[in-house]
């Protein structure tokens, strides 16, 4: 039973880090798109 709990905790923690990393990647992509959009708008 103890081993199963440890495995469950390990999977939960690794999933949280994966989701957090994906969120950071999406946020960085959004920042890049916003920056490019501002640059294009300032040209007009």
N, C-alpha and C. Protein backbone atom coordinates (compact mmCIF):
# COMPACT_ATOMS: atom_id res chain seq x y z
N UNK A 1 0.82 -1.19 0.00
CA UNK A 1 0.00 0.00 0.00
C UNK A 1 0.87 1.26 0.00
N UNK A 2 1.92 1.25 0.79
CA UNK A 2 2.82 2.39 0.87
C UNK A 2 3.48 2.66 -0.48
N UNK A 3 3.89 1.62 -1.17
CA UNK A 3 4.52 1.76 -2.48
C UNK A 3 3.54 2.37 -3.48
N UNK A 4 2.30 1.94 -3.44
CA UNK A 4 1.30 2.49 -4.36
C UNK A 4 1.09 3.98 -4.10
N UNK A 5 1.08 4.39 -2.85
CA UNK A 5 0.93 5.81 -2.52
C UNK A 5 2.11 6.62 -3.03
N UNK A 6 3.32 6.09 -2.87
CA UNK A 6 4.50 6.79 -3.36
C UNK A 6 4.49 6.93 -4.88
N UNK A 7 4.06 5.90 -5.56
CA UNK A 7 3.97 5.96 -7.02
C UNK A 7 2.93 6.99 -7.44
N UNK A 8 1.80 7.02 -6.77
CA UNK A 8 0.76 7.99 -7.08
C UNK A 8 1.25 9.42 -6.86
N UNK A 9 1.95 9.66 -5.78
CA UNK A 9 2.51 10.99 -5.50
C UNK A 9 3.52 11.37 -6.57
N UNK A 10 4.36 10.45 -6.98
CA UNK A 10 5.36 10.73 -8.01
C UNK A 10 4.70 11.11 -9.33
N UNK A 11 3.67 10.40 -9.73
CA UNK A 11 2.96 10.72 -10.97
C UNK A 11 2.27 12.08 -10.87
N UNK A 12 1.70 12.37 -9.73
CA UNK A 12 1.00 13.65 -9.54
C UNK A 12 1.99 14.81 -9.64
N UNK A 13 3.12 14.69 -8.99
CA UNK A 13 4.11 15.77 -9.03
C UNK A 13 4.69 15.96 -10.43
N UNK A 14 4.94 14.88 -11.13
CA UNK A 14 5.50 15.01 -12.48
C UNK A 14 4.47 15.62 -13.43
N UNK A 15 3.20 15.31 -13.24
CA UNK A 15 2.15 15.90 -14.08
C UNK A 15 2.04 17.39 -13.83
N UNK A 16 2.16 17.82 -12.59
CA UNK A 16 2.07 19.24 -12.27
C UNK A 16 3.21 20.01 -12.94
N UNK A 17 4.41 19.47 -12.91
CA UNK A 17 5.54 20.15 -13.54
C UNK A 17 5.36 20.22 -15.05
N UNK A 18 4.80 19.20 -15.65
CA UNK A 18 4.58 19.19 -17.08
C UNK A 18 3.56 20.24 -17.49
N UNK A 19 2.49 20.34 -16.75
CA UNK A 19 1.45 21.33 -17.04
C UNK A 19 1.99 22.74 -16.82
N UNK A 20 2.77 22.92 -15.78
CA UNK A 20 3.35 24.23 -15.50
C UNK A 20 4.31 24.63 -16.63
N UNK A 21 5.11 23.71 -17.11
CA UNK A 21 6.03 23.99 -18.21
C UNK A 21 5.28 24.35 -19.48
N UNK A 22 4.20 23.64 -19.76
CA UNK A 22 3.40 23.94 -20.94
C UNK A 22 2.78 25.33 -20.81
N UNK A 23 2.31 25.66 -19.63
CA UNK A 23 1.73 26.98 -19.41
C UNK A 23 2.74 28.09 -19.63
N UNK A 24 3.95 27.88 -19.21
CA UNK A 24 5.01 28.88 -19.42
C UNK A 24 5.33 29.02 -20.90
N UNK A 25 5.37 27.92 -21.63
CA UNK A 25 5.62 27.98 -23.07
C UNK A 25 4.53 28.75 -23.79
N UNK A 26 3.29 28.49 -23.43
CA UNK A 26 2.16 29.18 -24.07
C UNK A 26 2.20 30.67 -23.73
N UNK A 27 2.54 30.98 -22.49
CA UNK A 27 2.64 32.38 -22.08
C UNK A 27 3.74 33.11 -22.85
N UNK A 28 4.89 32.46 -23.02
CA UNK A 28 5.99 33.05 -23.77
C UNK A 28 5.60 33.28 -25.23
N UNK A 29 4.89 32.33 -25.81
CA UNK A 29 4.44 32.49 -27.19
C UNK A 29 3.46 33.66 -27.30
N UNK A 30 2.56 33.80 -26.34
CA UNK A 30 1.62 34.92 -26.33
C UNK A 30 2.33 36.25 -26.20
N UNK A 31 3.36 36.30 -25.38
CA UNK A 31 4.14 37.53 -25.23
C UNK A 31 4.82 37.90 -26.54
N UNK A 32 5.36 36.91 -27.24
CA UNK A 32 6.03 37.17 -28.51
C UNK A 32 5.04 37.68 -29.56
N UNK A 33 3.87 37.09 -29.60
CA UNK A 33 2.84 37.53 -30.56
C UNK A 33 2.39 38.95 -30.24
N UNK A 34 2.21 39.24 -28.96
CA UNK A 34 1.81 40.60 -28.56
C UNK A 34 2.87 41.62 -28.95
N UNK A 35 4.12 41.28 -28.74
CA UNK A 35 5.21 42.19 -29.10
C UNK A 35 5.24 42.46 -30.59
N UNK A 36 5.10 41.43 -31.39
CA UNK A 36 5.08 41.60 -32.85
C UNK A 36 3.88 42.43 -33.29
N UNK A 37 2.75 42.21 -32.66
CA UNK A 37 1.54 42.95 -32.99
C UNK A 37 1.73 44.44 -32.71
N UNK A 38 2.31 44.76 -31.56
CA UNK A 38 2.57 46.17 -31.22
C UNK A 38 3.53 46.80 -32.22
N UNK A 39 4.53 46.04 -32.63
CA UNK A 39 5.51 46.55 -33.58
C UNK A 39 4.85 46.86 -34.93
N UNK A 40 4.00 45.98 -35.41
CA UNK A 40 3.31 46.19 -36.68
C UNK A 40 2.36 47.37 -36.59
N UNK A 41 1.63 47.49 -35.47
CA UNK A 41 0.69 48.58 -35.30
C UNK A 41 1.41 49.93 -35.23
N UNK A 42 2.59 49.97 -34.69
CA UNK A 42 3.32 51.23 -34.56
C UNK A 42 3.85 51.70 -35.92
N UNK A 43 3.90 50.83 -36.90
CA UNK A 43 4.38 51.20 -38.24
C UNK A 43 3.31 51.96 -39.02
N UNK A 44 2.06 51.89 -38.59
CA UNK A 44 0.99 52.56 -39.33
C UNK A 44 0.60 53.84 -38.71
